Amino acid sequence: MKITLPYTIKNKAGEKLTFTGITVKDGIEYLEAENEVQPGAGPPMHVHYRQDESLTVVSGRMGYQEPGGEAKYAGPGESALFKAGTPHRFWNAGTDVLFCKGYITPPDNVVYFLSEMYKSIDQNGSRPGMYDVAFLLHRYRSEFDMLGIPGFVRKVLFPVVLFFGNLTGKHRKFADAPPPLYH
């Protein structure tokens, strides 16, 4: 997927994400981004196995949490850093739009992955389509996972959905999917 920065994606679930640029510091690439999150909205519990993610609140109130941990909150000027491999979620914990700036490092396939997830959310209502999630999580399983999805769905239903979806040609919509970076 060839993109020109800045590049913006948004979904009907209340999230807008703009990838603003790439910087290199000490030989490490940082994909810089800005996000807008509507009150109560935010991504479900997820993990980036190989990427650090940092968010700094510009305005609004962000809630964030790791599995089993208490909810924490950040206001303007405060940051949250989620190290690679740390499951987390964040949401707009205020009544106004939450604006954050941040980065993901290394960028890897995050732009493609999130673009396709947001597109699927818009095509299917407030959640991504079952085949789309199954395909993307299987293809990029060494990079990302969505832990908010019950284990039975991920381990039993997704393989069945993938099998029949591939059989009926649903995979063609992902013809331009970049290869996974890790196996």
N, C-alpha and C. Protein backbone atom coordinates (compact mmCIF):
# COMPACT_ATOMS: atom_id res chain seq x y z
N MET A 1 0.85 -1.17 0.00
CA MET A 1 0.00 0.00 0.00
C MET A 1 0.89 1.23 0.00
N LYS A 2 0.82 2.00 -1.03
CA LYS A 2 1.61 3.22 -1.15
C LYS A 2 0.75 4.39 -0.68
N ILE A 3 1.25 5.12 0.32
CA ILE A 3 0.50 6.27 0.81
C ILE A 3 1.39 7.50 0.80
N THR A 4 0.73 8.63 0.75
CA THR A 4 1.41 9.90 0.86
C THR A 4 0.98 10.53 2.17
N LEU A 5 1.95 10.97 2.95
CA LEU A 5 1.65 11.58 4.24
C LEU A 5 1.49 13.09 4.06
N PRO A 6 0.57 13.72 4.75
CA PRO A 6 -0.32 13.13 5.75
C PRO A 6 -1.41 12.28 5.09
N TYR A 7 -1.87 11.29 5.85
CA TYR A 7 -2.87 10.33 5.39
C TYR A 7 -3.87 10.13 6.52
N THR A 8 -5.16 10.37 6.22
CA THR A 8 -6.19 10.32 7.26
C THR A 8 -7.15 9.17 7.02
N ILE A 9 -7.47 8.47 8.11
CA ILE A 9 -8.52 7.45 8.08
C ILE A 9 -9.50 7.79 9.21
N LYS A 10 -10.74 7.43 9.01
CA LYS A 10 -11.74 7.63 10.07
C LYS A 10 -12.79 6.56 9.94
N ASN A 11 -13.54 6.36 11.03
CA ASN A 11 -14.60 5.37 11.00
C ASN A 11 -15.86 5.91 11.68
N LYS A 12 -16.96 5.23 11.43
CA LYS A 12 -18.24 5.62 12.01
C LYS A 12 -18.31 5.39 13.51
N ALA A 13 -17.34 4.67 14.05
CA ALA A 13 -17.33 4.38 15.49
C ALA A 13 -16.78 5.55 16.31
N GLY A 14 -16.38 6.65 15.64
CA GLY A 14 -15.97 7.84 16.35
C GLY A 14 -14.47 8.08 16.44
N GLU A 15 -13.70 7.47 15.54
CA GLU A 15 -12.25 7.66 15.56
C GLU A 15 -11.76 8.24 14.24
N LYS A 16 -10.84 9.17 14.34
CA LYS A 16 -10.17 9.75 13.17
C LYS A 16 -8.68 9.74 13.48
N LEU A 17 -7.89 9.24 12.56
CA LEU A 17 -6.46 9.08 12.76
C LEU A 17 -5.74 9.64 11.54
N THR A 18 -4.82 10.57 11.77
CA THR A 18 -4.03 11.14 10.69
C THR A 18 -2.57 10.79 10.92
N PHE A 19 -2.00 10.06 9.98
CA PHE A 19 -0.57 9.75 10.00
C PHE A 19 0.12 10.96 9.38
N THR A 20 0.90 11.69 10.17
CA THR A 20 1.40 12.99 9.74
C THR A 20 2.80 12.96 9.13
N GLY A 21 3.61 11.99 9.51
CA GLY A 21 4.96 11.94 8.96
C GLY A 21 5.78 10.85 9.60
N ILE A 22 6.94 10.64 9.04
CA ILE A 22 7.89 9.67 9.59
C ILE A 22 9.16 10.42 9.95
N THR A 23 9.63 10.21 11.15
CA THR A 23 10.91 10.76 11.56
C THR A 23 11.84 9.60 11.90
N VAL A 24 13.12 9.86 11.81
CA VAL A 24 14.12 8.85 12.16
C VAL A 24 15.00 9.45 13.25
N LYS A 25 15.10 8.72 14.36
CA LYS A 25 15.93 9.16 15.48
C LYS A 25 16.78 7.97 15.90
N ASP A 26 18.08 8.17 15.91
CA ASP A 26 19.03 7.11 16.26
C ASP A 26 18.80 5.86 15.42
N GLY A 27 18.47 6.06 14.14
CA GLY A 27 18.27 4.94 13.22
C GLY A 27 16.94 4.22 13.35
N ILE A 28 16.04 4.76 14.18
CA ILE A 28 14.73 4.12 14.39
C ILE A 28 13.64 5.00 13.77
N GLU A 29 12.76 4.35 12.98
CA GLU A 29 11.64 5.06 12.35
C GLU A 29 10.47 5.23 13.32
N TYR A 30 9.92 6.42 13.34
CA TYR A 30 8.73 6.74 14.13
C TYR A 30 7.65 7.25 13.19
N LEU A 31 6.51 6.60 13.18
CA LEU A 31 5.36 7.06 12.42
C LEU A 31 4.56 7.97 13.34
N GLU A 32 4.56 9.26 13.03
CA GLU A 32 3.86 10.22 13.86
C GLU A 32 2.40 10.31 13.44
N ALA A 33 1.55 10.54 14.43
CA ALA A 33 0.11 10.56 14.15
C ALA A 33 -0.61 11.52 15.08
N GLU A 34 -1.79 11.91 14.66
CA GLU A 34 -2.72 12.68 15.48
C GLU A 34 -4.04 11.95 15.43
N ASN A 35 -4.75 11.94 16.56
CA ASN A 35 -6.06 11.30 16.53
C ASN A 35 -7.11 12.17 17.19
N GLU A 36 -8.34 11.95 16.75
CA GLU A 36 -9.52 12.56 17.33
C GLU A 36 -10.44 11.42 17.71
N VAL A 37 -10.90 11.44 18.94
CA VAL A 37 -11.77 10.36 19.41
C VAL A 37 -13.00 10.99 20.04
N GLN A 38 -14.17 10.58 19.59
CA GLN A 38 -15.42 11.10 20.12
C GLN A 38 -15.66 10.57 21.53
N PRO A 39 -16.45 11.28 22.35
CA PRO A 39 -16.73 10.81 23.71
C PRO A 39 -17.21 9.36 23.74
N GLY A 40 -16.59 8.58 24.61
CA GLY A 40 -16.95 7.17 24.78
C GLY A 40 -16.33 6.24 23.76
N ALA A 41 -15.75 6.76 22.68
CA ALA A 41 -15.18 5.93 21.62
C ALA A 41 -13.71 5.64 21.90
N GLY A 42 -13.19 4.64 21.21
CA GLY A 42 -11.78 4.26 21.30
C GLY A 42 -11.64 2.80 20.89
N PRO A 43 -10.43 2.39 20.56
CA PRO A 43 -10.22 1.01 20.12
C PRO A 43 -10.39 0.01 21.26
N PRO A 44 -10.78 -1.22 20.92
CA PRO A 44 -10.90 -2.26 21.95
C PRO A 44 -9.51 -2.70 22.43
N MET A 45 -9.50 -3.56 23.41
CA MET A 45 -8.24 -4.10 23.93
C MET A 45 -7.48 -4.75 22.77
N HIS A 46 -6.23 -4.32 22.60
CA HIS A 46 -5.42 -4.83 21.49
C HIS A 46 -3.95 -4.84 21.90
N VAL A 47 -3.14 -5.40 21.04
CA VAL A 47 -1.70 -5.45 21.31
C VAL A 47 -0.94 -5.30 19.99
N HIS A 48 0.16 -4.56 20.07
CA HIS A 48 1.13 -4.46 18.98
C HIS A 48 2.33 -5.26 19.49
N TYR A 49 2.57 -6.41 18.92
CA TYR A 49 3.63 -7.27 19.43
C TYR A 49 5.03 -6.70 19.25
N ARG A 50 5.22 -5.88 18.22
CA ARG A 50 6.58 -5.41 17.91
C ARG A 50 6.70 -3.90 17.88
N GLN A 51 5.66 -3.20 18.29
CA GLN A 51 5.67 -1.75 18.18
C GLN A 51 5.36 -1.09 19.51
N ASP A 52 6.07 -0.01 19.79
CA ASP A 52 5.71 0.87 20.89
C ASP A 52 4.71 1.88 20.36
N GLU A 53 3.77 2.27 21.22
CA GLU A 53 2.78 3.28 20.87
C GLU A 53 2.75 4.31 21.99
N SER A 54 2.84 5.58 21.63
CA SER A 54 2.79 6.65 22.61
C SER A 54 1.70 7.64 22.22
N LEU A 55 0.93 8.08 23.20
CA LEU A 55 -0.12 9.08 22.98
C LEU A 55 0.06 10.20 24.00
N THR A 56 0.04 11.43 23.53
CA THR A 56 0.08 12.60 24.39
C THR A 56 -1.21 13.39 24.17
N VAL A 57 -1.93 13.65 25.24
CA VAL A 57 -3.20 14.36 25.14
C VAL A 57 -2.93 15.83 24.84
N VAL A 58 -3.56 16.33 23.78
CA VAL A 58 -3.51 17.75 23.44
C VAL A 58 -4.68 18.45 24.11
N SER A 59 -5.87 17.87 23.98
CA SER A 59 -7.05 18.39 24.68
C SER A 59 -8.02 17.24 24.91
N GLY A 60 -8.80 17.37 25.97
CA GLY A 60 -9.74 16.32 26.34
C GLY A 60 -9.19 15.46 27.46
N ARG A 61 -9.84 14.33 27.67
CA ARG A 61 -9.45 13.42 28.74
C ARG A 61 -9.41 12.00 28.19
N MET A 62 -8.26 11.36 28.30
CA MET A 62 -8.09 10.00 27.80
C MET A 62 -8.07 9.02 28.97
N GLY A 63 -8.86 7.96 28.83
CA GLY A 63 -8.77 6.84 29.73
C GLY A 63 -7.96 5.76 29.05
N TYR A 64 -7.20 5.00 29.82
CA TYR A 64 -6.45 3.89 29.24
C TYR A 64 -6.27 2.80 30.29
N GLN A 65 -6.05 1.59 29.79
CA GLN A 65 -6.04 0.44 30.70
C GLN A 65 -5.28 -0.72 30.07
N GLU A 66 -4.64 -1.49 30.93
CA GLU A 66 -4.04 -2.76 30.54
C GLU A 66 -4.89 -3.86 31.18
N PRO A 67 -4.91 -5.09 30.64
CA PRO A 67 -5.76 -6.14 31.18
C PRO A 67 -5.52 -6.35 32.68
N GLY A 68 -6.62 -6.41 33.43
CA GLY A 68 -6.54 -6.65 34.86
C GLY A 68 -6.13 -5.44 35.68
N GLY A 69 -5.74 -4.37 35.01
CA GLY A 69 -5.31 -3.16 35.72
C GLY A 69 -6.45 -2.17 35.87
N GLU A 70 -6.23 -1.24 36.77
CA GLU A 70 -7.21 -0.18 36.97
C GLU A 70 -7.14 0.81 35.81
N ALA A 71 -8.26 1.45 35.53
CA ALA A 71 -8.27 2.50 34.52
C ALA A 71 -7.42 3.67 35.01
N LYS A 72 -6.66 4.25 34.10
CA LYS A 72 -5.85 5.43 34.37
C LYS A 72 -6.34 6.53 33.43
N TYR A 73 -6.01 7.77 33.79
CA TYR A 73 -6.50 8.89 33.01
C TYR A 73 -5.37 9.88 32.74
N ALA A 74 -5.45 10.53 31.58
CA ALA A 74 -4.47 11.53 31.20
C ALA A 74 -5.20 12.75 30.66
N GLY A 75 -4.70 13.92 31.03
CA GLY A 75 -5.24 15.19 30.55
C GLY A 75 -4.22 15.88 29.67
N PRO A 76 -4.51 17.11 29.25
CA PRO A 76 -3.61 17.84 28.36
C PRO A 76 -2.17 17.87 28.87
N GLY A 77 -1.26 17.53 27.95
CA GLY A 77 0.17 17.51 28.26
C GLY A 77 0.66 16.20 28.86
N GLU A 78 -0.25 15.31 29.23
CA GLU A 78 0.14 14.02 29.82
C GLU A 78 0.18 12.95 28.73
N SER A 79 1.02 11.95 28.96
CA SER A 79 1.24 10.91 27.95
C SER A 79 1.05 9.51 28.53
N ALA A 80 0.80 8.58 27.63
CA ALA A 80 0.77 7.16 27.96
C ALA A 80 1.63 6.45 26.92
N LEU A 81 2.50 5.57 27.40
CA LEU A 81 3.37 4.79 26.52
C LEU A 81 3.01 3.33 26.70
N PHE A 82 2.71 2.67 25.59
CA PHE A 82 2.41 1.24 25.58
C PHE A 82 3.56 0.55 24.86
N LYS A 83 4.36 -0.16 25.61
CA LYS A 83 5.52 -0.84 25.05
C LYS A 83 5.07 -2.03 24.19
N ALA A 84 5.90 -2.40 23.24
CA ALA A 84 5.62 -3.54 22.37
C ALA A 84 5.26 -4.75 23.22
N GLY A 85 4.20 -5.43 22.84
CA GLY A 85 3.77 -6.64 23.55
C GLY A 85 2.86 -6.38 24.74
N THR A 86 2.57 -5.12 25.05
CA THR A 86 1.70 -4.79 26.18
C THR A 86 0.27 -4.59 25.70
N PRO A 87 -0.65 -5.48 26.07
CA PRO A 87 -2.05 -5.29 25.69
C PRO A 87 -2.59 -4.00 26.35
N HIS A 88 -3.42 -3.29 25.61
CA HIS A 88 -3.96 -2.03 26.13
C HIS A 88 -5.19 -1.61 25.33
N ARG A 89 -5.88 -0.67 25.92
CA ARG A 89 -6.96 0.01 25.21
C ARG A 89 -6.96 1.44 25.71
N PHE A 90 -7.54 2.33 24.93
CA PHE A 90 -7.72 3.71 25.38
C PHE A 90 -9.05 4.21 24.83
N TRP A 91 -9.57 5.25 25.46
CA TRP A 91 -10.87 5.78 25.05
C TRP A 91 -10.97 7.23 25.47
N ASN A 92 -11.94 7.90 24.90
CA ASN A 92 -12.23 9.27 25.29
C ASN A 92 -13.06 9.19 26.56
N ALA A 93 -12.47 9.62 27.67
CA ALA A 93 -13.13 9.55 28.97
C ALA A 93 -13.78 10.88 29.34
N GLY A 94 -13.88 11.78 28.39
CA GLY A 94 -14.47 13.08 28.66
C GLY A 94 -15.75 13.30 27.87
N THR A 95 -16.20 14.54 27.89
CA THR A 95 -17.45 14.89 27.17
C THR A 95 -17.16 15.68 25.90
N ASP A 96 -15.91 16.09 25.71
CA ASP A 96 -15.50 16.79 24.49
C ASP A 96 -14.64 15.85 23.65
N VAL A 97 -14.40 16.24 22.41
CA VAL A 97 -13.54 15.43 21.54
C VAL A 97 -12.14 15.36 22.15
N LEU A 98 -11.56 14.16 22.15
CA LEU A 98 -10.20 13.93 22.63
C LEU A 98 -9.25 14.10 21.44
N PHE A 99 -8.26 14.97 21.60
CA PHE A 99 -7.22 15.15 20.59
C PHE A 99 -5.90 14.70 21.20
N CYS A 100 -5.19 13.83 20.48
CA CYS A 100 -3.87 13.36 20.93
C CYS A 100 -2.89 13.44 19.78
N LYS A 101 -1.62 13.53 20.13
CA LYS A 101 -0.52 13.37 19.18
C LYS A 101 0.29 12.20 19.70
N GLY A 102 0.95 11.51 18.79
CA GLY A 102 1.74 10.38 19.24
C GLY A 102 2.53 9.76 18.12
N TYR A 103 3.00 8.54 18.40
CA TYR A 103 3.78 7.81 17.41
C TYR A 103 3.64 6.31 17.63
N ILE A 104 4.00 5.60 16.58
CA ILE A 104 4.15 4.14 16.63
C ILE A 104 5.51 3.84 16.02
N THR A 105 6.27 3.00 16.70
CA THR A 105 7.59 2.65 16.19
C THR A 105 7.88 1.17 16.40
N PRO A 106 8.35 0.47 15.40
CA PRO A 106 8.48 0.87 14.01
C PRO A 106 7.11 0.86 13.32
N PRO A 107 6.96 1.56 12.20
CA PRO A 107 5.65 1.62 11.55
C PRO A 107 5.11 0.27 11.07
N ASP A 108 5.99 -0.57 10.52
CA ASP A 108 5.58 -1.88 10.01
C ASP A 108 4.30 -1.77 9.19
N ASN A 109 3.32 -2.62 9.41
CA ASN A 109 2.08 -2.66 8.61
C ASN A 109 0.90 -1.96 9.27
N VAL A 110 1.15 -1.10 10.24
CA VAL A 110 0.05 -0.51 11.00
C VAL A 110 -0.87 0.35 10.13
N VAL A 111 -0.34 1.09 9.17
CA VAL A 111 -1.21 1.94 8.35
C VAL A 111 -2.17 1.07 7.54
N TYR A 112 -1.67 0.04 6.91
CA TYR A 112 -2.55 -0.85 6.14
C TYR A 112 -3.57 -1.53 7.05
N PHE A 113 -3.11 -2.10 8.13
CA PHE A 113 -3.97 -2.83 9.06
C PHE A 113 -5.11 -1.94 9.55
N LEU A 114 -4.78 -0.77 10.05
CA LEU A 114 -5.83 0.12 10.58
C LEU A 114 -6.72 0.68 9.47
N SER A 115 -6.15 0.98 8.31
CA SER A 115 -6.97 1.46 7.19
C SER A 115 -8.04 0.44 6.82
N GLU A 116 -7.65 -0.82 6.75
CA GLU A 116 -8.61 -1.86 6.39
C GLU A 116 -9.63 -2.11 7.51
N MET A 117 -9.20 -2.03 8.75
CA MET A 117 -10.14 -2.18 9.87
C MET A 117 -11.16 -1.05 9.87
N TYR A 118 -10.71 0.20 9.69
CA TYR A 118 -11.62 1.34 9.67
C TYR A 118 -12.59 1.22 8.50
N LYS A 119 -12.08 0.82 7.34
CA LYS A 119 -12.94 0.64 6.16
C LYS A 119 -14.01 -0.41 6.43
N SER A 120 -13.62 -1.50 7.06
CA SER A 120 -14.56 -2.57 7.37
C SER A 120 -15.62 -2.11 8.38
N ILE A 121 -15.20 -1.32 9.37
CA ILE A 121 -16.17 -0.78 10.33
C ILE A 121 -17.22 0.04 9.59
N ASP A 122 -16.78 0.89 8.68
CA ASP A 122 -17.73 1.73 7.94
C ASP A 122 -18.66 0.92 7.04
N GLN A 123 -18.18 -0.19 6.52
CA GLN A 123 -19.00 -1.02 5.64
C GLN A 123 -19.96 -1.92 6.41
N ASN A 124 -19.67 -2.16 7.70
CA ASN A 124 -20.45 -3.14 8.45
C ASN A 124 -21.15 -2.57 9.69
N GLY A 125 -21.18 -1.28 9.84
CA GLY A 125 -21.84 -0.70 11.01
C GLY A 125 -20.84 -0.19 12.00
N SER A 126 -20.91 -0.65 13.23
CA SER A 126 -20.01 -0.15 14.27
C SER A 126 -18.85 -1.10 14.58
N ARG A 127 -18.82 -2.24 13.89
CA ARG A 127 -17.74 -3.22 14.09
C ARG A 127 -17.26 -3.69 12.73
N PRO A 128 -15.99 -4.12 12.66
CA PRO A 128 -15.52 -4.65 11.38
C PRO A 128 -16.19 -5.98 11.06
N GLY A 129 -16.26 -6.30 9.77
CA GLY A 129 -16.85 -7.55 9.33
C GLY A 129 -16.04 -8.75 9.80
N MET A 130 -16.73 -9.85 10.05
CA MET A 130 -16.10 -11.06 10.59
C MET A 130 -14.98 -11.57 9.69
N TYR A 131 -15.20 -11.64 8.38
CA TYR A 131 -14.15 -12.14 7.50
C TYR A 131 -12.95 -11.19 7.51
N ASP A 132 -13.22 -9.88 7.47
CA ASP A 132 -12.14 -8.91 7.43
C ASP A 132 -11.24 -9.04 8.66
N VAL A 133 -11.84 -9.12 9.83
CA VAL A 133 -11.05 -9.26 11.06
C VAL A 133 -10.28 -10.58 11.05
N ALA A 134 -10.96 -11.65 10.66
CA ALA A 134 -10.30 -12.95 10.62
C ALA A 134 -9.09 -12.93 9.68
N PHE A 135 -9.28 -12.35 8.50
CA PHE A 135 -8.19 -12.29 7.51
C PHE A 135 -7.03 -11.46 8.05
N LEU A 136 -7.32 -10.23 8.50
CA LEU A 136 -6.26 -9.32 8.93
C LEU A 136 -5.52 -9.83 10.16
N LEU A 137 -6.25 -10.38 11.13
CA LEU A 137 -5.59 -10.89 12.32
C LEU A 137 -4.77 -12.15 12.02
N HIS A 138 -5.22 -12.94 11.06
CA HIS A 138 -4.44 -14.13 10.67
C HIS A 138 -3.18 -13.70 9.91
N ARG A 139 -3.34 -12.84 8.93
CA ARG A 139 -2.20 -12.43 8.10
C ARG A 139 -1.12 -11.72 8.92
N TYR A 140 -1.55 -10.86 9.83
CA TYR A 140 -0.60 -10.06 10.61
C TYR A 140 -0.52 -10.51 12.06
N ARG A 141 -0.69 -11.80 12.29
CA ARG A 141 -0.72 -12.36 13.64
C ARG A 141 0.58 -12.16 14.41
N SER A 142 1.68 -11.96 13.73
CA SER A 142 2.94 -11.71 14.43
C SER A 142 3.10 -10.23 14.80
N GLU A 143 2.18 -9.39 14.33
CA GLU A 143 2.27 -7.96 14.61
C GLU A 143 1.16 -7.46 15.53
N PHE A 144 -0.09 -7.93 15.33
CA PHE A 144 -1.23 -7.38 16.05
C PHE A 144 -2.18 -8.47 16.53
N ASP A 145 -2.94 -8.14 17.56
CA ASP A 145 -4.05 -8.99 17.98
C ASP A 145 -5.09 -8.10 18.66
N MET A 146 -6.31 -8.53 18.59
CA MET A 146 -7.42 -7.81 19.24
C MET A 146 -7.93 -8.71 20.35
N LEU A 147 -7.52 -8.40 21.56
CA LEU A 147 -7.81 -9.27 22.69
C LEU A 147 -9.24 -9.13 23.22
N GLY A 148 -9.96 -8.12 22.74
CA GLY A 148 -11.35 -7.96 23.13
C GLY A 148 -12.26 -8.97 22.46
N ILE A 149 -11.74 -9.70 21.49
CA ILE A 149 -12.53 -10.73 20.80
C ILE A 149 -12.41 -12.02 21.60
N PRO A 150 -13.53 -12.62 21.97
CA PRO A 150 -13.48 -13.86 22.77
C PRO A 150 -12.63 -14.95 22.10
N GLY A 151 -11.92 -15.72 22.92
CA GLY A 151 -11.05 -16.79 22.44
C GLY A 151 -11.75 -17.78 21.54
N PHE A 152 -13.00 -18.14 21.86
CA PHE A 152 -13.75 -19.08 21.04
C PHE A 152 -13.91 -18.54 19.62
N VAL A 153 -14.21 -17.26 19.50
CA VAL A 153 -14.39 -16.65 18.18
C VAL A 153 -13.06 -16.68 17.43
N ARG A 154 -11.98 -16.28 18.09
CA ARG A 154 -10.68 -16.23 17.43
C ARG A 154 -10.15 -17.60 17.06
N LYS A 155 -10.36 -18.60 17.92
CA LYS A 155 -9.74 -19.92 17.71
C LYS A 155 -10.62 -20.90 16.95
N VAL A 156 -11.94 -20.72 17.03
CA VAL A 156 -12.84 -21.67 16.39
C VAL A 156 -13.57 -21.05 15.20
N LEU A 157 -14.23 -19.92 15.43
CA LEU A 157 -15.04 -19.33 14.35
C LEU A 157 -14.19 -18.69 13.26
N PHE A 158 -13.13 -17.95 13.63
CA PHE A 158 -12.33 -17.29 12.60
C PHE A 158 -11.74 -18.26 11.58
N PRO A 159 -11.18 -19.41 11.98
CA PRO A 159 -10.68 -20.34 10.96
C PRO A 159 -11.77 -20.82 10.00
N VAL A 160 -12.97 -21.04 10.51
CA VAL A 160 -14.09 -21.46 9.65
C VAL A 160 -14.48 -20.34 8.70
N VAL A 161 -14.59 -19.12 9.25
CA VAL A 161 -14.93 -17.96 8.43
C VAL A 161 -13.87 -17.74 7.36
N LEU A 162 -12.60 -17.87 7.71
CA LEU A 162 -11.52 -17.73 6.74
C LEU A 162 -11.60 -18.78 5.64
N PHE A 163 -11.83 -20.02 6.02
CA PHE A 163 -11.91 -21.10 5.04
C PHE A 163 -13.01 -20.82 4.01
N PHE A 164 -14.22 -20.56 4.50
CA PHE A 164 -15.34 -20.36 3.57
C PHE A 164 -15.23 -19.02 2.84
N GLY A 165 -14.70 -18.00 3.51
CA GLY A 165 -14.49 -16.71 2.84
C GLY A 165 -13.49 -16.82 1.72
N ASN A 166 -12.39 -17.53 1.96
CA ASN A 166 -11.40 -17.73 0.91
C ASN A 166 -11.97 -18.56 -0.23
N LEU A 167 -12.76 -19.56 0.12
CA LEU A 167 -13.39 -20.43 -0.87
C LEU A 167 -14.31 -19.63 -1.79
N THR A 168 -14.96 -18.63 -1.24
CA THR A 168 -15.91 -17.83 -2.03
C THR A 168 -15.29 -16.56 -2.60
N GLY A 169 -13.98 -16.39 -2.45
CA GLY A 169 -13.27 -15.29 -3.09
C GLY A 169 -13.22 -13.98 -2.31
N LYS A 170 -13.60 -13.99 -1.05
CA LYS A 170 -13.57 -12.74 -0.27
C LYS A 170 -12.16 -12.19 -0.09
N HIS A 171 -11.16 -13.06 -0.20
CA HIS A 171 -9.77 -12.64 -0.02
C HIS A 171 -9.30 -11.69 -1.11
N ARG A 172 -9.99 -11.66 -2.24
CA ARG A 172 -9.57 -10.82 -3.37
C ARG A 172 -9.54 -9.34 -3.01
N LYS A 173 -10.38 -8.94 -2.07
CA LYS A 173 -10.40 -7.52 -1.68
C LYS A 173 -9.11 -7.10 -0.98
N PHE A 174 -8.30 -8.07 -0.55
CA PHE A 174 -7.03 -7.79 0.11
C PHE A 174 -5.84 -8.10 -0.81
N ALA A 175 -6.05 -8.02 -2.11
CA ALA A 175 -5.01 -8.35 -3.08
C ALA A 175 -3.77 -7.47 -2.91
N ASP A 176 -3.96 -6.23 -2.46
CA ASP A 176 -2.83 -5.32 -2.32
C ASP A 176 -2.22 -5.34 -0.90
N ALA A 177 -2.63 -6.32 -0.08
CA ALA A 177 -2.14 -6.40 1.29
C ALA A 177 -0.63 -6.63 1.30
N PRO A 178 0.09 -5.79 2.03
CA PRO A 178 1.53 -6.03 2.12
C PRO A 178 1.82 -7.33 2.86
N PRO A 179 2.94 -7.95 2.57
CA PRO A 179 3.25 -9.21 3.26
C PRO A 179 3.52 -8.96 4.73
N PRO A 180 3.24 -9.97 5.55
CA PRO A 180 3.60 -9.83 6.97
C PRO A 180 5.11 -9.69 7.09
N LEU A 181 5.55 -8.94 8.05
CA LEU A 181 6.98 -8.69 8.21
C LEU A 181 7.68 -9.74 9.03
N TYR A 182 6.91 -10.47 9.80
CA TYR A 182 7.49 -11.47 10.70
C TYR A 182 6.71 -12.76 10.56
N HIS A 183 7.36 -13.88 10.78
CA HIS A 183 6.65 -15.16 10.69
C HIS A 183 6.73 -15.90 11.99
